[in-house]
């Protein structure tokens, strides 16, 4: 069983608001702009650690917190907001477990500082489920096709596939190579990828049926 080739290189692991030379502002631009506009308030705690007040929309709700200027977005989501579905694996942007949507685009939250998300809209795995407590079509497809085993990598895959299908609305005629390319930036050490590819195809079918 061959693993999919690694599509994402170091330059684009962080998504449009990280290290990528294309698409978004450079790291720290959001926090700097907010500070220059008087919207960001820089403080320190009793130990001298710099704190920054950040405001962002997470899973449809606006949140405002004072957090360390060095706090990773992944840690901010997990430890300050309690959104533990965003997993942390390699912490180098390689495995894809920490993938979230940042303004609709997939991004490695372990490569972003929380302050870089000032004013942004962040969607985690928790925010992809319908409000009625059910499952999204991608989540349903992964369950139906047994596209997971230990489940540690699954949130990152679900987020990545959600973005992929949003960029290809209505399509169901994907080749296996296209589907493998779509998930090539996420690593799974359990399944061998066959069921994941099947789950992506099934998710596309479910999305088309619900359109």
C-alpha atoms as a PDB file:
ATOM      1  CA  UNK A   1       0.000   0.000   0.000  1.00  0.00           C
ATOM      2  CA  UNK A   2       1.592   3.214  -1.105  1.00  0.00           C
ATOM      3  CA  UNK A   3       1.171   6.475   0.734  1.00  0.00           C
ATOM      4  CA  UNK A   4       0.165   9.609  -1.197  1.00  0.00           C
ATOM      5  CA  UNK A   5       2.943  11.914  -2.253  1.00  0.00           C
ATOM      6  CA  UNK A   6       3.548  14.942  -0.081  1.00  0.00           C
ATOM      7  CA  UNK A   7       2.056  17.831  -2.011  1.00  0.00           C
ATOM      8  CA  UNK A   8       2.530  20.595   0.531  1.00  0.00           C
ATOM      9  CA  UNK A   9       6.039  21.936   0.917  1.00  0.00           C
ATOM     10  CA  UNK A  10       7.545  23.989   3.748  1.00  0.00           C
ATOM     11  CA  UNK A  11       6.579  27.238   2.059  1.00  0.00           C
ATOM     12  CA  UNK A  12       2.860  26.571   2.201  1.00  0.00           C
ATOM     13  CA  UNK A  13       2.434  24.430   5.320  1.00  0.00           C
ATOM     14  CA  UNK A  14       1.040  27.309   7.353  1.00  0.00           C
ATOM     15  CA  UNK A  15      -1.639  28.178   4.832  1.00  0.00           C
ATOM     16  CA  UNK A  16      -2.318  31.643   3.402  1.00  0.00           C
ATOM     17  CA  UNK A  17      -1.582  33.416   6.689  1.00  0.00           C
ATOM     18  CA  UNK A  18       1.597  31.576   7.550  1.00  0.00           C
ATOM     19  CA  UNK A  19       4.788  31.028   5.644  1.00  0.00           C
ATOM     20  CA  UNK A  20       3.221  31.025   2.185  1.00  0.00           C
ATOM     21  CA  UNK A  21       4.635  33.702  -0.135  1.00  0.00           C
ATOM     22  CA  UNK A  22       1.226  34.013  -1.786  1.00  0.00           C
ATOM     23  CA  UNK A  23      -2.297  34.813  -0.747  1.00  0.00           C
ATOM     24  CA  UNK A  24      -2.248  36.441   2.684  1.00  0.00           C
ATOM     25  CA  UNK A  25      -0.510  38.951   4.879  1.00  0.00           C
ATOM     26  CA  UNK A  26       2.875  38.061   6.396  1.00  0.00           C
ATOM     27  CA  UNK A  27       3.086  36.564   9.891  1.00  0.00           C
ATOM     28  CA  UNK A  28       2.107  39.063  12.574  1.00  0.00           C
ATOM     29  CA  UNK A  29       0.444  41.481  10.165  1.00  0.00           C
ATOM     30  CA  UNK A  30      -2.970  41.156  11.791  1.00  0.00           C
ATOM     31  CA  UNK A  31      -1.698  41.893  15.265  1.00  0.00           C
ATOM     32  CA  UNK A  32       0.528  44.740  14.065  1.00  0.00           C
ATOM     33  CA  UNK A  33      -2.316  46.348  12.125  1.00  0.00           C
ATOM     34  CA  UNK A  34      -4.624  46.100  15.118  1.00  0.00           C
ATOM     35  CA  UNK A  35      -2.001  47.664  17.385  1.00  0.00           C
ATOM     36  CA  UNK A  36      -1.275  50.488  14.959  1.00  0.00           C
ATOM     37  CA  UNK A  37      -4.992  51.188  14.663  1.00  0.00           C
ATOM     38  CA  UNK A  38      -5.351  51.317  18.409  1.00  0.00           C
ATOM     39  CA  UNK A  39      -7.471  48.177  18.456  1.00  0.00           C
ATOM     40  CA  UNK A  40      -4.838  45.926  20.043  1.00  0.00           C
ATOM     41  CA  UNK A  41      -3.843  46.518  23.639  1.00  0.00           C
ATOM     42  CA  UNK A  42      -0.394  45.233  24.640  1.00  0.00           C
ATOM     43  CA  UNK A  43       0.043  44.234  28.289  1.00  0.00           C
ATOM     44  CA  UNK A  44       2.318  42.120  30.461  1.00  0.00           C
ATOM     45  CA  UNK A  45       1.584  39.753  33.306  1.00  0.00           C
ATOM     46  CA  UNK A  46       3.340  39.637  36.680  1.00  0.00           C
ATOM     47  CA  UNK A  47       6.248  37.653  35.212  1.00  0.00           C
ATOM     48  CA  UNK A  48       6.801  40.150  32.434  1.00  0.00           C
ATOM     49  CA  UNK A  49       5.313  37.949  29.705  1.00  0.00           C
ATOM     50  CA  UNK A  50       3.849  40.118  26.985  1.00  0.00           C
ATOM     51  CA  UNK A  51       0.093  39.736  26.631  1.00  0.00           C
ATOM     52  CA  UNK A  52      -1.945  40.822  23.650  1.00  0.00           C
ATOM     53  CA  UNK A  53      -5.691  41.184  23.515  1.00  0.00           C
ATOM     54  CA  UNK A  54      -6.910  39.317  20.461  1.00  0.00           C
ATOM     55  CA  UNK A  55     -10.367  39.120  18.979  1.00  0.00           C
ATOM     56  CA  UNK A  56     -11.433  36.548  16.434  1.00  0.00           C
ATOM     57  CA  UNK A  57     -14.497  34.612  15.395  1.00  0.00           C
ATOM     58  CA  UNK A  58     -14.237  30.932  16.270  1.00  0.00           C
ATOM     59  CA  UNK A  59     -16.911  28.535  15.029  1.00  0.00           C
ATOM     60  CA  UNK A  60     -19.341  31.394  14.539  1.00  0.00           C
ATOM     61  CA  UNK A  61     -18.825  33.040  17.940  1.00  0.00           C
ATOM     62  CA  UNK A  62     -16.715  36.102  18.613  1.00  0.00           C
ATOM     63  CA  UNK A  63     -14.094  35.528  21.279  1.00  0.00           C
ATOM     64  CA  UNK A  64     -11.773  38.011  22.962  1.00  0.00           C
ATOM     65  CA  UNK A  65      -8.876  36.967  25.148  1.00  0.00           C
ATOM     66  CA  UNK A  66      -5.657  38.306  26.569  1.00  0.00           C
ATOM     67  CA  UNK A  67      -3.011  35.804  25.553  1.00  0.00           C
ATOM     68  CA  UNK A  68       0.745  35.518  25.306  1.00  0.00           C
ATOM     69  CA  UNK A  69       2.239  37.075  22.205  1.00  0.00           C
ATOM     70  CA  UNK A  70       4.065  33.756  21.735  1.00  0.00           C
ATOM     71  CA  UNK A  71       0.984  31.540  22.081  1.00  0.00           C
ATOM     72  CA  UNK A  72       0.433  29.215  19.137  1.00  0.00           C
ATOM     73  CA  UNK A  73      -3.026  29.230  17.621  1.00  0.00           C
ATOM     74  CA  UNK A  74      -3.264  25.480  18.247  1.00  0.00           C
ATOM     75  CA  UNK A  75      -2.570  25.977  21.962  1.00  0.00           C
ATOM     76  CA  UNK A  76      -4.928  28.959  22.112  1.00  0.00           C
ATOM     77  CA  UNK A  77      -7.758  26.871  20.667  1.00  0.00           C
ATOM     78  CA  UNK A  78      -7.083  23.834  22.823  1.00  0.00           C
ATOM     79  CA  UNK A  79      -6.144  25.325  26.167  1.00  0.00           C
ATOM     80  CA  UNK A  80      -7.831  28.712  26.250  1.00  0.00           C
ATOM     81  CA  UNK A  81     -11.012  27.896  24.343  1.00  0.00           C
ATOM     82  CA  UNK A  82     -11.251  24.204  25.219  1.00  0.00           C
ATOM     83  CA  UNK A  83     -11.524  23.091  21.588  1.00  0.00           C
ATOM     84  CA  UNK A  84      -9.553  19.868  21.927  1.00  0.00           C
ATOM     85  CA  UNK A  85     -10.613  18.488  18.553  1.00  0.00           C
ATOM     86  CA  UNK A  86      -7.696  20.353  17.001  1.00  0.00           C
ATOM     87  CA  UNK A  87      -4.930  17.836  17.625  1.00  0.00           C
ATOM     88  CA  UNK A  88      -1.219  18.559  17.928  1.00  0.00           C
ATOM     89  CA  UNK A  89       1.170  16.033  16.431  1.00  0.00           C
ATOM     90  CA  UNK A  90       4.523  16.969  14.943  1.00  0.00           C
ATOM     91  CA  UNK A  91       4.336  20.705  15.783  1.00  0.00           C
ATOM     92  CA  UNK A  92       6.324  21.339  12.596  1.00  0.00           C
ATOM     93  CA  UNK A  93       3.429  21.706  10.151  1.00  0.00           C
ATOM     94  CA  UNK A  94       4.066  18.333   8.512  1.00  0.00           C
ATOM     95  CA  UNK A  95       1.434  15.903   9.813  1.00  0.00           C
ATOM     96  CA  UNK A  96      -1.683  18.048   9.326  1.00  0.00           C
ATOM     97  CA  UNK A  97      -3.370  17.021  12.596  1.00  0.00           C
ATOM     98  CA  UNK A  98      -3.750  20.649  13.669  1.00  0.00           C
ATOM     99  CA  UNK A  99      -5.393  21.843  10.453  1.00  0.00           C
ATOM    100  CA  UNK A 100      -8.144  24.442  10.824  1.00  0.00           C
ATOM    101  CA  UNK A 101      -9.896  26.769   8.417  1.00  0.00           C
ATOM    102  CA  UNK A 102      -8.712  30.358   8.619  1.00  0.00           C
ATOM    103  CA  UNK A 103     -11.018  32.665   6.679  1.00  0.00           C
ATOM    104  CA  UNK A 104     -12.116  29.608   4.733  1.00  0.00           C
ATOM    105  CA  UNK A 105      -8.650  28.326   3.873  1.00  0.00           C
ATOM    106  CA  UNK A 106      -6.855  25.413   5.513  1.00  0.00           C
ATOM    107  CA  UNK A 107      -3.978  26.411   7.755  1.00  0.00           C
ATOM    108  CA  UNK A 108      -1.610  24.671  10.154  1.00  0.00           C
ATOM    109  CA  UNK A 109      -2.517  26.085  13.549  1.00  0.00           C
ATOM    110  CA  UNK A 110       0.764  24.848  15.046  1.00  0.00           C
ATOM    111  CA  UNK A 111       2.660  27.224  12.749  1.00  0.00           C
ATOM    112  CA  UNK A 112       0.549  30.287  13.512  1.00  0.00           C
ATOM    113  CA  UNK A 113       0.538  32.537  16.530  1.00  0.00           C
ATOM    114  CA  UNK A 114      -2.830  33.364  18.015  1.00  0.00           C
ATOM    115  CA  UNK A 115      -2.132  37.061  17.473  1.00  0.00           C
ATOM    116  CA  UNK A 116      -1.815  36.424  13.733  1.00  0.00           C
ATOM    117  CA  UNK A 117      -5.498  35.498  13.711  1.00  0.00           C
ATOM    118  CA  UNK A 118      -6.620  38.910  14.980  1.00  0.00           C
ATOM    119  CA  UNK A 119      -9.916  39.680  13.255  1.00  0.00           C
ATOM    120  CA  UNK A 120      -9.979  36.375  11.395  1.00  0.00           C
ATOM    121  CA  UNK A 121     -12.652  33.712  11.209  1.00  0.00           C
ATOM    122  CA  UNK A 122     -11.423  30.354  12.491  1.00  0.00           C
ATOM    123  CA  UNK A 123     -13.295  27.090  12.021  1.00  0.00           C
ATOM    124  CA  UNK A 124     -12.210  23.974  13.886  1.00  0.00           C
ATOM    125  CA  UNK A 125     -13.486  20.429  13.595  1.00  0.00           C
ATOM    126  CA  UNK A 126     -16.113  21.264  16.229  1.00  0.00           C
ATOM    127  CA  UNK A 127     -17.494  24.004  14.000  1.00  0.00           C
ATOM    128  CA  UNK A 128     -18.064  21.722  11.006  1.00  0.00           C
ATOM    129  CA  UNK A 129     -20.925  19.755  12.543  1.00  0.00           C
ATOM    130  CA  UNK A 130     -24.462  20.979  11.857  1.00  0.00           C
ATOM    131  CA  UNK A 131     -26.164  22.870  14.640  1.00  0.00           C
ATOM    132  CA  UNK A 132     -28.655  20.038  15.175  1.00  0.00           C
ATOM    133  CA  UNK A 133     -25.955  17.849  16.678  1.00  0.00           C
ATOM    134  CA  UNK A 134     -25.608  15.646  13.598  1.00  0.00           C
ATOM    135  CA  UNK A 135     -22.614  15.062  11.371  1.00  0.00           C
ATOM    136  CA  UNK A 136     -21.466  16.940   8.295  1.00  0.00           C
ATOM    137  CA  UNK A 137     -21.414  15.039   5.015  1.00  0.00           C
ATOM    138  CA  UNK A 138     -17.632  14.670   5.327  1.00  0.00           C
ATOM    139  CA  UNK A 139     -17.896  13.274   8.847  1.00  0.00           C
ATOM    140  CA  UNK A 140     -20.663  10.920   7.748  1.00  0.00           C
ATOM    141  CA  UNK A 141     -18.554   9.689   4.846  1.00  0.00           C
ATOM    142  CA  UNK A 142     -15.570   8.955   7.077  1.00  0.00           C
ATOM    143  CA  UNK A 143     -17.839   6.959   9.381  1.00  0.00           C
ATOM    144  CA  UNK A 144     -19.555   5.064   6.557  1.00  0.00           C
ATOM    145  CA  UNK A 145     -16.295   4.192   4.785  1.00  0.00           C
ATOM    146  CA  UNK A 146     -14.293   3.443   7.928  1.00  0.00           C
ATOM    147  CA  UNK A 147     -11.845   6.178   6.976  1.00  0.00           C
ATOM    148  CA  UNK A 148     -10.258   6.214  10.405  1.00  0.00           C
ATOM    149  CA  UNK A 149      -8.689   3.859  12.876  1.00  0.00           C
ATOM    150  CA  UNK A 150      -7.124   5.494  15.935  1.00  0.00           C
ATOM    151  CA  UNK A 151      -8.763   8.797  14.910  1.00  0.00           C
ATOM    152  CA  UNK A 152      -5.914  11.092  15.919  1.00  0.00           C
ATOM    153  CA  UNK A 153      -5.372  12.412  12.389  1.00  0.00           C
ATOM    154  CA  UNK A 154      -9.079  12.451  11.502  1.00  0.00           C
ATOM    155  CA  UNK A 155      -9.936  16.067  12.459  1.00  0.00           C
ATOM    156  CA  UNK A 156      -7.216  17.359  10.165  1.00  0.00           C
ATOM    157  CA  UNK A 157      -8.417  15.172   7.312  1.00  0.00           C
ATOM    158  CA  UNK A 158     -12.038  16.239   7.779  1.00  0.00           C
ATOM    159  CA  UNK A 159     -11.087  19.927   7.721  1.00  0.00           C
ATOM    160  CA  UNK A 160      -8.890  19.450   4.636  1.00  0.00           C
ATOM    161  CA  UNK A 161     -11.575  17.502   2.771  1.00  0.00           C
ATOM    162  CA  UNK A 162     -14.205  20.081   3.700  1.00  0.00           C
ATOM    163  CA  UNK A 163     -12.108  22.780   2.048  1.00  0.00           C
ATOM    164  CA  UNK A 164     -11.396  20.582  -0.989  1.00  0.00           C
ATOM    165  CA  UNK A 165     -15.086  19.901  -1.638  1.00  0.00           C
ATOM    166  CA  UNK A 166     -15.981  23.554  -1.103  1.00  0.00           C
ATOM    167  CA  UNK A 167     -13.501  24.415  -3.842  1.00  0.00           C
ATOM    168  CA  UNK A 168     -15.031  21.785  -6.163  1.00  0.00           C
ATOM    169  CA  UNK A 169     -18.799  22.087  -5.605  1.00  0.00           C
ATOM    170  CA  UNK A 170     -20.977  19.477  -7.266  1.00  0.00           C
ATOM    171  CA  UNK A 171     -18.144  17.330  -8.614  1.00  0.00           C
ATOM    172  CA  UNK A 172     -18.311  13.575  -8.097  1.00  0.00           C
ATOM    173  CA  UNK A 173     -16.067  12.396 -10.946  1.00  0.00           C
ATOM    174  CA  UNK A 174     -12.732  12.757  -9.172  1.00  0.00           C
ATOM    175  CA  UNK A 175      -9.956  10.349 -10.076  1.00  0.00           C
ATOM    176  CA  UNK A 176      -8.183   8.473  -7.301  1.00  0.00           C
ATOM    177  CA  UNK A 177      -5.085  10.533  -8.075  1.00  0.00           C
ATOM    178  CA  UNK A 178      -7.008  13.771  -7.559  1.00  0.00           C
ATOM    179  CA  UNK A 179      -8.349  12.557  -4.235  1.00  0.00           C
ATOM    180  CA  UNK A 180      -4.933  11.385  -3.060  1.00  0.00           C
ATOM    181  CA  UNK A 181      -3.468  14.716  -4.051  1.00  0.00           C
ATOM    182  CA  UNK A 182      -6.191  16.497  -2.092  1.00  0.00           C
ATOM    183  CA  UNK A 183      -5.209  14.775   1.163  1.00  0.00           C
ATOM    184  CA  UNK A 184      -1.484  14.492   0.512  1.00  0.00           C
ATOM    185  CA  UNK A 185      -0.673  17.161   3.097  1.00  0.00           C
ATOM    186  CA  UNK A 186      -2.167  15.043   5.901  1.00  0.00           C
ATOM    187  CA  UNK A 187      -0.493  11.951   7.307  1.00  0.00           C
ATOM    188  CA  UNK A 188      -2.186   8.801   8.590  1.00  0.00           C
ATOM    189  CA  UNK A 189      -0.174   6.008  10.191  1.00  0.00           C
ATOM    190  CA  UNK A 190      -3.045   3.501  10.517  1.00  0.00           C
ATOM    191  CA  UNK A 191      -5.347   3.150   7.549  1.00  0.00           C
ATOM    192  CA  UNK A 192      -3.129   2.934   4.474  1.00  0.00           C
ATOM    193  CA  UNK A 193      -5.265   5.723   2.926  1.00  0.00           C
ATOM    194  CA  UNK A 194      -7.541   3.477   0.823  1.00  0.00           C
ATOM    195  CA  UNK A 195     -10.554   4.027   3.057  1.00  0.00           C
ATOM    196  CA  UNK A 196      -9.737   7.710   3.398  1.00  0.00           C
ATOM    197  CA  UNK A 197      -9.795   8.084  -0.387  1.00  0.00           C
ATOM    198  CA  UNK A 198     -13.087   6.184  -0.460  1.00  0.00           C
ATOM    199  CA  UNK A 199     -14.443   8.497   2.239  1.00  0.00           C
ATOM    200  CA  UNK A 200     -13.538  11.594   0.238  1.00  0.00           C
ATOM    201  CA  UNK A 201     -15.339  10.187  -2.797  1.00  0.00           C
ATOM    202  CA  UNK A 202     -18.374   9.340  -0.675  1.00  0.00           C
ATOM    203  CA  UNK A 203     -18.349  12.805   0.864  1.00  0.00           C
ATOM    204  CA  UNK A 204     -18.458  14.336  -2.617  1.00  0.00           C
ATOM    205  CA  UNK A 205     -21.481  12.159  -3.439  1.00  0.00           C
ATOM    206  CA  UNK A 206     -23.271  13.131  -0.223  1.00  0.00           C
ATOM    207  CA  UNK A 207     -22.528  16.804  -0.833  1.00  0.00           C
ATOM    208  CA  UNK A 208     -23.959  16.573  -4.355  1.00  0.00           C
ATOM    209  CA  UNK A 209     -27.070  14.826  -3.051  1.00  0.00           C
ATOM    210  CA  UNK A 210     -27.649  17.527  -0.449  1.00  0.00           C
ATOM    211  CA  UNK A 211     -26.991  20.424  -2.839  1.00  0.00           C
END
